[in-house]
Amino acid sequence: MRIAALAVPLALSLLLVPGGVRAQAEAAPPPVPLRNVVSANPFLLIAAWFNAEYERAVSSTSTVGARVSTLTIGLNDDVSDDDAVYRSGRLFWRYYPKAAFDAFYFGLDLGITSLDDGEETNAVFGGGFELGYNWLLGQRRSFYISIGVGADRLFGGDLGDASAVIPTIRIVNIGLAF
């Protein structure tokens, strides 16, 4: 009789406990209290490529920011008048399903791209999208690492009615969240 009386509460507790444990495991991480990130790609500096970003949280899942980049393409190891210089400035918006600056993101961007081949400079407008993933590491989660890819459609300027699509690759940006 005693065993039967204990069996029902024991069976119910076994059914309810896994649901509570599963609910705790699926809970979203707490929002990151950091509001800003400054980052750059230090590895590409040796290839005469510079990029830097500033990103600011505007909600618990959205950020806005600005990105600048420069790439020098030449035949010589030294920078010369024969080199082509690509420059880009972009404003962007990113959506993070979990929390701003943390994990997967989808983003949109708009900006200006110019190419100076030593003889003339052509500037065009562009807009596109990006997909990426960020990590916030360290005890205070202030060490920032980010990777991503995307594409921009260029239009206007010397392109006239034509347009061009260029890929965007964010090999790795390292920065500081504060």
C-alpha atoms as a PDB file:
ATOM      1  CA  MET A   1       0.000   0.000   0.000  1.00  0.00           C
ATOM      2  CA  ARG A   2       2.768   2.407   0.874  1.00  0.00           C
ATOM      3  CA  ILE A   3       4.628   1.685  -2.347  1.00  0.00           C
ATOM      4  CA  ALA A   4       1.503   2.413  -4.423  1.00  0.00           C
ATOM      5  CA  ALA A   5       0.976   5.706  -2.564  1.00  0.00           C
ATOM      6  CA  LEU A   6       4.576   6.771  -3.277  1.00  0.00           C
ATOM      7  CA  ALA A   7       4.545   5.611  -6.908  1.00  0.00           C
ATOM      8  CA  VAL A   8       2.071   8.250  -8.138  1.00  0.00           C
ATOM      9  CA  PRO A   9       3.951  11.319  -6.740  1.00  0.00           C
ATOM     10  CA  LEU A  10       7.264   9.835  -7.869  1.00  0.00           C
ATOM     11  CA  ALA A  11       5.957   9.249 -11.414  1.00  0.00           C
ATOM     12  CA  LEU A  12       4.529  12.787 -11.585  1.00  0.00           C
ATOM     13  CA  SER A  13       7.795  14.330 -10.392  1.00  0.00           C
ATOM     14  CA  LEU A  14       9.748  12.380 -12.999  1.00  0.00           C
ATOM     15  CA  LEU A  15       7.435  13.698 -15.707  1.00  0.00           C
ATOM     16  CA  LEU A  16       7.600  17.325 -14.526  1.00  0.00           C
ATOM     17  CA  VAL A  17      11.321  17.667 -13.703  1.00  0.00           C
ATOM     18  CA  PRO A  18      12.655  17.110 -17.255  1.00  0.00           C
ATOM     19  CA  GLY A  19      10.298  19.819 -18.552  1.00  0.00           C
ATOM     20  CA  GLY A  20      11.626  22.300 -15.992  1.00  0.00           C
ATOM     21  CA  VAL A  21      15.233  21.405 -16.750  1.00  0.00           C
ATOM     22  CA  ARG A  22      14.590  21.683 -20.500  1.00  0.00           C
ATOM     23  CA  ALA A  23      12.958  25.107 -20.034  1.00  0.00           C
ATOM     24  CA  GLN A  24      16.033  26.343 -18.165  1.00  0.00           C
ATOM     25  CA  ALA A  25      18.386  25.068 -20.893  1.00  0.00           C
ATOM     26  CA  GLU A  26      16.395  26.848 -23.663  1.00  0.00           C
ATOM     27  CA  ALA A  27      16.218  30.189 -21.880  1.00  0.00           C
ATOM     28  CA  ALA A  28      17.765  33.061 -23.853  1.00  0.00           C
ATOM     29  CA  PRO A  29      21.033  34.459 -22.533  1.00  0.00           C
ATOM     30  CA  PRO A  30      20.697  37.663 -20.570  1.00  0.00           C
ATOM     31  CA  PRO A  31      21.061  40.821 -22.671  1.00  0.00           C
ATOM     32  CA  VAL A  32      24.627  42.049 -22.958  1.00  0.00           C
ATOM     33  CA  PRO A  33      24.951  45.270 -20.932  1.00  0.00           C
ATOM     34  CA  LEU A  34      27.583  46.568 -23.376  1.00  0.00           C
ATOM     35  CA  ARG A  35      26.387  49.289 -25.773  1.00  0.00           C
ATOM     36  CA  ASN A  36      29.356  49.865 -28.153  1.00  0.00           C
ATOM     37  CA  VAL A  37      31.926  47.905 -30.138  1.00  0.00           C
ATOM     38  CA  VAL A  38      35.036  49.160 -31.935  1.00  0.00           C
ATOM     39  CA  SER A  39      36.763  46.580 -34.145  1.00  0.00           C
ATOM     40  CA  ALA A  40      39.252  46.128 -36.977  1.00  0.00           C
ATOM     41  CA  ASN A  41      41.024  43.364 -38.835  1.00  0.00           C
ATOM     42  CA  PRO A  42      44.642  43.403 -37.656  1.00  0.00           C
ATOM     43  CA  PHE A  43      45.730  40.515 -39.893  1.00  0.00           C
ATOM     44  CA  LEU A  44      44.980  42.267 -43.193  1.00  0.00           C
ATOM     45  CA  LEU A  45      47.155  45.291 -42.395  1.00  0.00           C
ATOM     46  CA  ILE A  46      50.157  43.364 -43.746  1.00  0.00           C
ATOM     47  CA  ALA A  47      48.326  43.064 -47.091  1.00  0.00           C
ATOM     48  CA  ALA A  48      47.723  46.872 -47.302  1.00  0.00           C
ATOM     49  CA  TRP A  49      44.054  46.353 -46.436  1.00  0.00           C
ATOM     50  CA  PHE A  50      42.479  48.361 -43.644  1.00  0.00           C
ATOM     51  CA  ASN A  51      38.987  48.098 -42.243  1.00  0.00           C
ATOM     52  CA  ALA A  52      37.470  49.399 -39.030  1.00  0.00           C
ATOM     53  CA  GLU A  53      33.963  49.487 -37.572  1.00  0.00           C
ATOM     54  CA  TYR A  54      32.016  51.221 -34.872  1.00  0.00           C
ATOM     55  CA  GLU A  55      28.751  49.563 -33.804  1.00  0.00           C
ATOM     56  CA  ARG A  56      26.208  50.796 -31.227  1.00  0.00           C
ATOM     57  CA  ALA A  57      23.260  48.920 -29.730  1.00  0.00           C
ATOM     58  CA  VAL A  58      19.943  50.734 -30.258  1.00  0.00           C
ATOM     59  CA  SER A  59      17.801  47.987 -28.694  1.00  0.00           C
ATOM     60  CA  SER A  60      18.351  44.609 -27.074  1.00  0.00           C
ATOM     61  CA  THR A  61      18.555  42.945 -30.532  1.00  0.00           C
ATOM     62  CA  SER A  62      19.505  45.711 -33.019  1.00  0.00           C
ATOM     63  CA  THR A  63      22.611  47.772 -33.688  1.00  0.00           C
ATOM     64  CA  VAL A  64      23.637  50.549 -36.079  1.00  0.00           C
ATOM     65  CA  GLY A  65      27.147  51.448 -37.112  1.00  0.00           C
ATOM     66  CA  ALA A  66      29.689  52.678 -39.610  1.00  0.00           C
ATOM     67  CA  ARG A  67      32.456  50.846 -41.451  1.00  0.00           C
ATOM     68  CA  VAL A  68      35.392  52.207 -43.460  1.00  0.00           C
ATOM     69  CA  SER A  69      37.824  50.178 -45.530  1.00  0.00           C
ATOM     70  CA  THR A  70      40.748  50.739 -47.871  1.00  0.00           C
ATOM     71  CA  LEU A  71      42.490  48.230 -50.115  1.00  0.00           C
ATOM     72  CA  THR A  72      45.565  49.022 -52.204  1.00  0.00           C
ATOM     73  CA  ILE A  73      46.098  46.774 -55.213  1.00  0.00           C
ATOM     74  CA  GLY A  74      49.426  47.050 -57.015  1.00  0.00           C
ATOM     75  CA  LEU A  75      52.106  45.161 -58.857  1.00  0.00           C
ATOM     76  CA  ASN A  76      54.913  46.382 -56.619  1.00  0.00           C
ATOM     77  CA  ASP A  77      55.506  45.823 -52.939  1.00  0.00           C
ATOM     78  CA  ASP A  78      55.790  49.588 -52.439  1.00  0.00           C
ATOM     79  CA  VAL A  79      52.830  51.946 -52.739  1.00  0.00           C
ATOM     80  CA  SER A  80      53.193  53.841 -56.030  1.00  0.00           C
ATOM     81  CA  ASP A  81      51.172  55.922 -58.480  1.00  0.00           C
ATOM     82  CA  ASP A  82      50.454  52.764 -60.499  1.00  0.00           C
ATOM     83  CA  ASP A  83      48.507  51.191 -57.641  1.00  0.00           C
ATOM     84  CA  ALA A  84      44.716  51.074 -57.577  1.00  0.00           C
ATOM     85  CA  VAL A  85      43.122  52.160 -54.313  1.00  0.00           C
ATOM     86  CA  TYR A  86      39.666  50.923 -53.336  1.00  0.00           C
ATOM     87  CA  ARG A  87      37.871  52.845 -50.582  1.00  0.00           C
ATOM     88  CA  SER A  88      34.491  52.219 -49.045  1.00  0.00           C
ATOM     89  CA  GLY A  89      32.375  53.865 -46.359  1.00  0.00           C
ATOM     90  CA  ARG A  90      29.214  52.162 -45.150  1.00  0.00           C
ATOM     91  CA  LEU A  91      26.424  52.736 -42.660  1.00  0.00           C
ATOM     92  CA  PHE A  92      24.808  49.535 -41.455  1.00  0.00           C
ATOM     93  CA  TRP A  93      22.020  48.042 -39.345  1.00  0.00           C
ATOM     94  CA  ARG A  94      22.271  44.556 -37.796  1.00  0.00           C
ATOM     95  CA  TYR A  95      19.655  42.316 -36.209  1.00  0.00           C
ATOM     96  CA  TYR A  96      20.724  39.730 -33.608  1.00  0.00           C
ATOM     97  CA  PRO A  97      18.034  37.133 -32.754  1.00  0.00           C
ATOM     98  CA  LYS A  98      19.556  36.430 -29.297  1.00  0.00           C
ATOM     99  CA  ALA A  99      21.053  39.690 -28.045  1.00  0.00           C
ATOM    100  CA  ALA A 100      22.947  42.630 -29.531  1.00  0.00           C
ATOM    101  CA  PHE A 101      26.586  41.801 -30.379  1.00  0.00           C
ATOM    102  CA  ASP A 102      26.101  38.121 -29.468  1.00  0.00           C
ATOM    103  CA  ALA A 103      26.053  35.167 -31.883  1.00  0.00           C
ATOM    104  CA  PHE A 104      24.370  35.185 -35.328  1.00  0.00           C
ATOM    105  CA  TYR A 105      23.351  38.418 -37.071  1.00  0.00           C
ATOM    106  CA  PHE A 106      21.728  39.608 -40.299  1.00  0.00           C
ATOM    107  CA  GLY A 107      22.506  43.101 -41.548  1.00  0.00           C
ATOM    108  CA  LEU A 108      21.797  45.692 -44.236  1.00  0.00           C
ATOM    109  CA  ASP A 109      24.202  48.402 -45.388  1.00  0.00           C
ATOM    110  CA  LEU A 110      24.348  51.532 -47.580  1.00  0.00           C
ATOM    111  CA  GLY A 111      27.345  53.584 -48.615  1.00  0.00           C
ATOM    112  CA  ILE A 112      29.825  54.884 -51.140  1.00  0.00           C
ATOM    113  CA  THR A 113      32.601  52.966 -52.885  1.00  0.00           C
ATOM    114  CA  SER A 114      35.409  54.585 -54.872  1.00  0.00           C
ATOM    115  CA  LEU A 115      38.217  53.242 -57.014  1.00  0.00           C
ATOM    116  CA  ASP A 116      41.255  55.400 -57.790  1.00  0.00           C
ATOM    117  CA  ASP A 117      43.416  53.826 -60.496  1.00  0.00           C
ATOM    118  CA  GLY A 118      46.004  56.619 -60.509  1.00  0.00           C
ATOM    119  CA  GLU A 119      44.459  58.366 -63.521  1.00  0.00           C
ATOM    120  CA  GLU A 120      40.878  58.892 -62.421  1.00  0.00           C
ATOM    121  CA  THR A 121      38.634  58.261 -59.446  1.00  0.00           C
ATOM    122  CA  ASN A 122      35.203  56.689 -59.850  1.00  0.00           C
ATOM    123  CA  ALA A 123      32.706  56.766 -56.998  1.00  0.00           C
ATOM    124  CA  VAL A 124      29.425  54.837 -56.866  1.00  0.00           C
ATOM    125  CA  PHE A 125      26.676  54.187 -54.346  1.00  0.00           C
ATOM    126  CA  GLY A 126      25.929  50.745 -53.011  1.00  0.00           C
ATOM    127  CA  GLY A 127      23.672  48.754 -50.768  1.00  0.00           C
ATOM    128  CA  GLY A 128      23.604  45.178 -49.647  1.00  0.00           C
ATOM    129  CA  PHE A 129      23.308  42.607 -46.902  1.00  0.00           C
ATOM    130  CA  GLU A 130      25.549  40.554 -44.654  1.00  0.00           C
ATOM    131  CA  LEU A 131      25.356  37.460 -42.476  1.00  0.00           C
ATOM    132  CA  GLY A 132      27.791  36.865 -39.672  1.00  0.00           C
ATOM    133  CA  TYR A 133      28.599  35.528 -36.260  1.00  0.00           C
ATOM    134  CA  ASN A 134      30.107  37.294 -33.237  1.00  0.00           C
ATOM    135  CA  TRP A 135      31.672  36.076 -30.024  1.00  0.00           C
ATOM    136  CA  LEU A 136      31.966  38.073 -26.802  1.00  0.00           C
ATOM    137  CA  LEU A 137      34.709  36.511 -24.716  1.00  0.00           C
ATOM    138  CA  GLY A 138      36.398  37.072 -21.402  1.00  0.00           C
ATOM    139  CA  GLN A 139      35.173  37.471 -17.871  1.00  0.00           C
ATOM    140  CA  ARG A 140      33.372  40.738 -18.657  1.00  0.00           C
ATOM    141  CA  ARG A 141      32.545  39.621 -22.230  1.00  0.00           C
ATOM    142  CA  SER A 142      34.329  42.651 -23.651  1.00  0.00           C
ATOM    143  CA  PHE A 143      36.713  40.896 -26.080  1.00  0.00           C
ATOM    144  CA  TYR A 144      34.914  40.858 -29.457  1.00  0.00           C
ATOM    145  CA  ILE A 145      35.547  38.576 -32.460  1.00  0.00           C
ATOM    146  CA  SER A 146      33.407  38.659 -35.614  1.00  0.00           C
ATOM    147  CA  ILE A 147      33.256  36.919 -39.010  1.00  0.00           C
ATOM    148  CA  GLY A 148      30.824  37.372 -41.881  1.00  0.00           C
ATOM    149  CA  VAL A 149      29.991  37.432 -45.592  1.00  0.00           C
ATOM    150  CA  GLY A 150      27.614  39.366 -47.784  1.00  0.00           C
ATOM    151  CA  ALA A 151      27.148  41.178 -51.079  1.00  0.00           C
ATOM    152  CA  ASP A 152      26.699  44.786 -52.205  1.00  0.00           C
ATOM    153  CA  ARG A 153      25.045  46.019 -55.387  1.00  0.00           C
ATOM    154  CA  LEU A 154      26.808  49.085 -56.765  1.00  0.00           C
ATOM    155  CA  PHE A 155      24.895  51.631 -58.868  1.00  0.00           C
ATOM    156  CA  GLY A 156      25.098  55.217 -60.139  1.00  0.00           C
ATOM    157  CA  GLY A 157      28.258  57.208 -60.863  1.00  0.00           C
ATOM    158  CA  ASP A 158      30.147  56.017 -63.943  1.00  0.00           C
ATOM    159  CA  LEU A 159      28.115  52.806 -63.972  1.00  0.00           C
ATOM    160  CA  GLY A 160      25.196  54.740 -65.525  1.00  0.00           C
ATOM    161  CA  ASP A 161      22.174  52.452 -65.802  1.00  0.00           C
ATOM    162  CA  ALA A 162      24.288  49.352 -65.191  1.00  0.00           C
ATOM    163  CA  SER A 163      25.014  47.847 -61.803  1.00  0.00           C
ATOM    164  CA  ALA A 164      27.618  45.546 -60.321  1.00  0.00           C
ATOM    165  CA  VAL A 165      27.552  43.129 -57.421  1.00  0.00           C
ATOM    166  CA  ILE A 166      30.638  42.705 -55.250  1.00  0.00           C
ATOM    167  CA  PRO A 167      31.059  40.173 -52.444  1.00  0.00           C
ATOM    168  CA  THR A 168      31.918  41.370 -48.954  1.00  0.00           C
ATOM    169  CA  ILE A 169      34.014  39.109 -46.788  1.00  0.00           C
ATOM    170  CA  ARG A 170      34.644  39.799 -43.163  1.00  0.00           C
ATOM    171  CA  ILE A 171      37.478  37.390 -42.507  1.00  0.00           C
ATOM    172  CA  VAL A 172      37.857  38.293 -38.852  1.00  0.00           C
ATOM    173  CA  ASN A 173      37.429  41.515 -36.924  1.00  0.00           C
ATOM    174  CA  ILE A 174      38.796  41.805 -33.413  1.00  0.00           C
ATOM    175  CA  GLY A 175      37.746  44.528 -31.052  1.00  0.00           C
ATOM    176  CA  LEU A 176      36.571  45.819 -27.748  1.00  0.00           C
ATOM    177  CA  ALA A 177      33.003  45.981 -26.444  1.00  0.00           C
ATOM    178  CA  PHE A 178      32.215  48.641 -23.859  1.00  0.00           C
END
